[in-house]
Amino acid sequence: MAVRIGNDSDNRLRGTSQADTLRGIGGNDTLEGFGGLDLLLGGKDDDQLFGGADADILSG
């Protein structure tokens, strides 16, 4: 399981094959769940959220 947190810049965060938590803070972020049950949380700007192969929770 990985926890990845962006900063106020534009970030591209990608999960692993495990259950991951990806969180964009600010900026225009791209969050990609890879495999496993992922929690993707966008920040305050325009974000792109892509779920993986399993049941994911996406919050813009």
C-alpha atoms as a PDB file:
ATOM      1  CA  MET A   1       0.000   0.000   0.000  1.00  0.00           C
ATOM      2  CA  ALA A   2       1.303   3.420  -0.921  1.00  0.00           C
ATOM      3  CA  VAL A   3       0.235   6.873   0.176  1.00  0.00           C
ATOM      4  CA  ARG A   4       1.232   9.566  -2.298  1.00  0.00           C
ATOM      5  CA  ILE A   5       0.529  13.235  -1.683  1.00  0.00           C
ATOM      6  CA  GLY A   6       1.177  15.997  -4.203  1.00  0.00           C
ATOM      7  CA  ASN A   7       2.145  19.591  -3.512  1.00  0.00           C
ATOM      8  CA  ASP A   8       0.817  22.916  -4.829  1.00  0.00           C
ATOM      9  CA  SER A   9       2.312  22.252  -8.275  1.00  0.00           C
ATOM     10  CA  ASP A  10       0.938  20.071 -11.065  1.00  0.00           C
ATOM     11  CA  ASN A  11       1.558  16.456 -10.085  1.00  0.00           C
ATOM     12  CA  ARG A  12       1.180  13.077 -11.734  1.00  0.00           C
ATOM     13  CA  LEU A  13       0.667  10.373  -9.129  1.00  0.00           C
ATOM     14  CA  ARG A  14       0.285   6.700  -9.984  1.00  0.00           C
ATOM     15  CA  GLY A  15      -0.598   3.875  -7.658  1.00  0.00           C
ATOM     16  CA  THR A  16       0.918   0.416  -7.396  1.00  0.00           C
ATOM     17  CA  SER A  17      -0.808  -2.946  -7.748  1.00  0.00           C
ATOM     18  CA  GLN A  18      -1.812  -2.685  -4.074  1.00  0.00           C
ATOM     19  CA  ALA A  19      -4.502  -0.580  -2.394  1.00  0.00           C
ATOM     20  CA  ASP A  20      -3.281   3.021  -2.595  1.00  0.00           C
ATOM     21  CA  THR A  21      -4.257   6.492  -1.454  1.00  0.00           C
ATOM     22  CA  LEU A  22      -3.397   9.261  -3.931  1.00  0.00           C
ATOM     23  CA  ARG A  23      -4.093  12.867  -2.990  1.00  0.00           C
ATOM     24  CA  GLY A  24      -3.543  15.963  -5.087  1.00  0.00           C
ATOM     25  CA  ILE A  25      -3.236  19.091  -2.934  1.00  0.00           C
ATOM     26  CA  GLY A  26      -3.223  21.975  -5.401  1.00  0.00           C
ATOM     27  CA  GLY A  27      -2.435  22.458  -9.043  1.00  0.00           C
ATOM     28  CA  ASN A  28      -3.786  20.481 -11.972  1.00  0.00           C
ATOM     29  CA  ASP A  29      -3.090  16.912 -10.909  1.00  0.00           C
ATOM     30  CA  THR A  30      -3.345  13.583 -12.693  1.00  0.00           C
ATOM     31  CA  LEU A  31      -4.069  10.699 -10.332  1.00  0.00           C
ATOM     32  CA  GLU A  32      -4.014   7.146 -11.666  1.00  0.00           C
ATOM     33  CA  GLY A  33      -5.045   4.121  -9.662  1.00  0.00           C
ATOM     34  CA  PHE A  34      -3.254   1.098 -11.052  1.00  0.00           C
ATOM     35  CA  GLY A  35      -4.577  -2.025  -9.370  1.00  0.00           C
ATOM     36  CA  GLY A  36      -6.121  -2.835  -6.029  1.00  0.00           C
ATOM     37  CA  LEU A  37      -8.747  -0.749  -4.261  1.00  0.00           C
ATOM     38  CA  ASP A  38      -7.627   2.860  -4.590  1.00  0.00           C
ATOM     39  CA  LEU A  39      -8.751   6.106  -2.995  1.00  0.00           C
ATOM     40  CA  LEU A  40      -8.098   9.080  -5.303  1.00  0.00           C
ATOM     41  CA  LEU A  41      -8.682  12.555  -3.871  1.00  0.00           C
ATOM     42  CA  GLY A  42      -8.332  15.600  -6.100  1.00  0.00           C
ATOM     43  CA  GLY A  43      -7.211  18.928  -4.695  1.00  0.00           C
ATOM     44  CA  LYS A  44      -8.517  22.452  -5.193  1.00  0.00           C
ATOM     45  CA  ASP A  45      -7.799  22.910  -8.922  1.00  0.00           C
ATOM     46  CA  ASP A  46      -8.635  20.985 -12.109  1.00  0.00           C
ATOM     47  CA  ASP A  47      -7.686  17.331 -11.705  1.00  0.00           C
ATOM     48  CA  GLN A  48      -7.915  14.180 -13.797  1.00  0.00           C
ATOM     49  CA  LEU A  49      -8.725  11.011 -11.870  1.00  0.00           C
ATOM     50  CA  PHE A  50      -8.391   7.568 -13.445  1.00  0.00           C
ATOM     51  CA  GLY A  51      -9.484   4.462 -11.573  1.00  0.00           C
ATOM     52  CA  GLY A  52      -7.647   1.198 -11.994  1.00  0.00           C
ATOM     53  CA  ALA A  53      -8.874  -2.312 -12.659  1.00  0.00           C
ATOM     54  CA  ASP A  54     -10.687  -2.761  -9.341  1.00  0.00           C
ATOM     55  CA  ALA A  55     -13.384  -0.902  -7.408  1.00  0.00           C
ATOM     56  CA  ASP A  56     -12.002   2.560  -6.668  1.00  0.00           C
ATOM     57  CA  ILE A  57     -13.246   5.657  -4.868  1.00  0.00           C
ATOM     58  CA  LEU A  58     -12.719   8.884  -6.831  1.00  0.00           C
ATOM     59  CA  SER A  59     -13.376  12.313  -5.337  1.00  0.00           C
ATOM     60  CA  GLY A  60     -12.743  15.469  -7.367  1.00  0.00           C
END
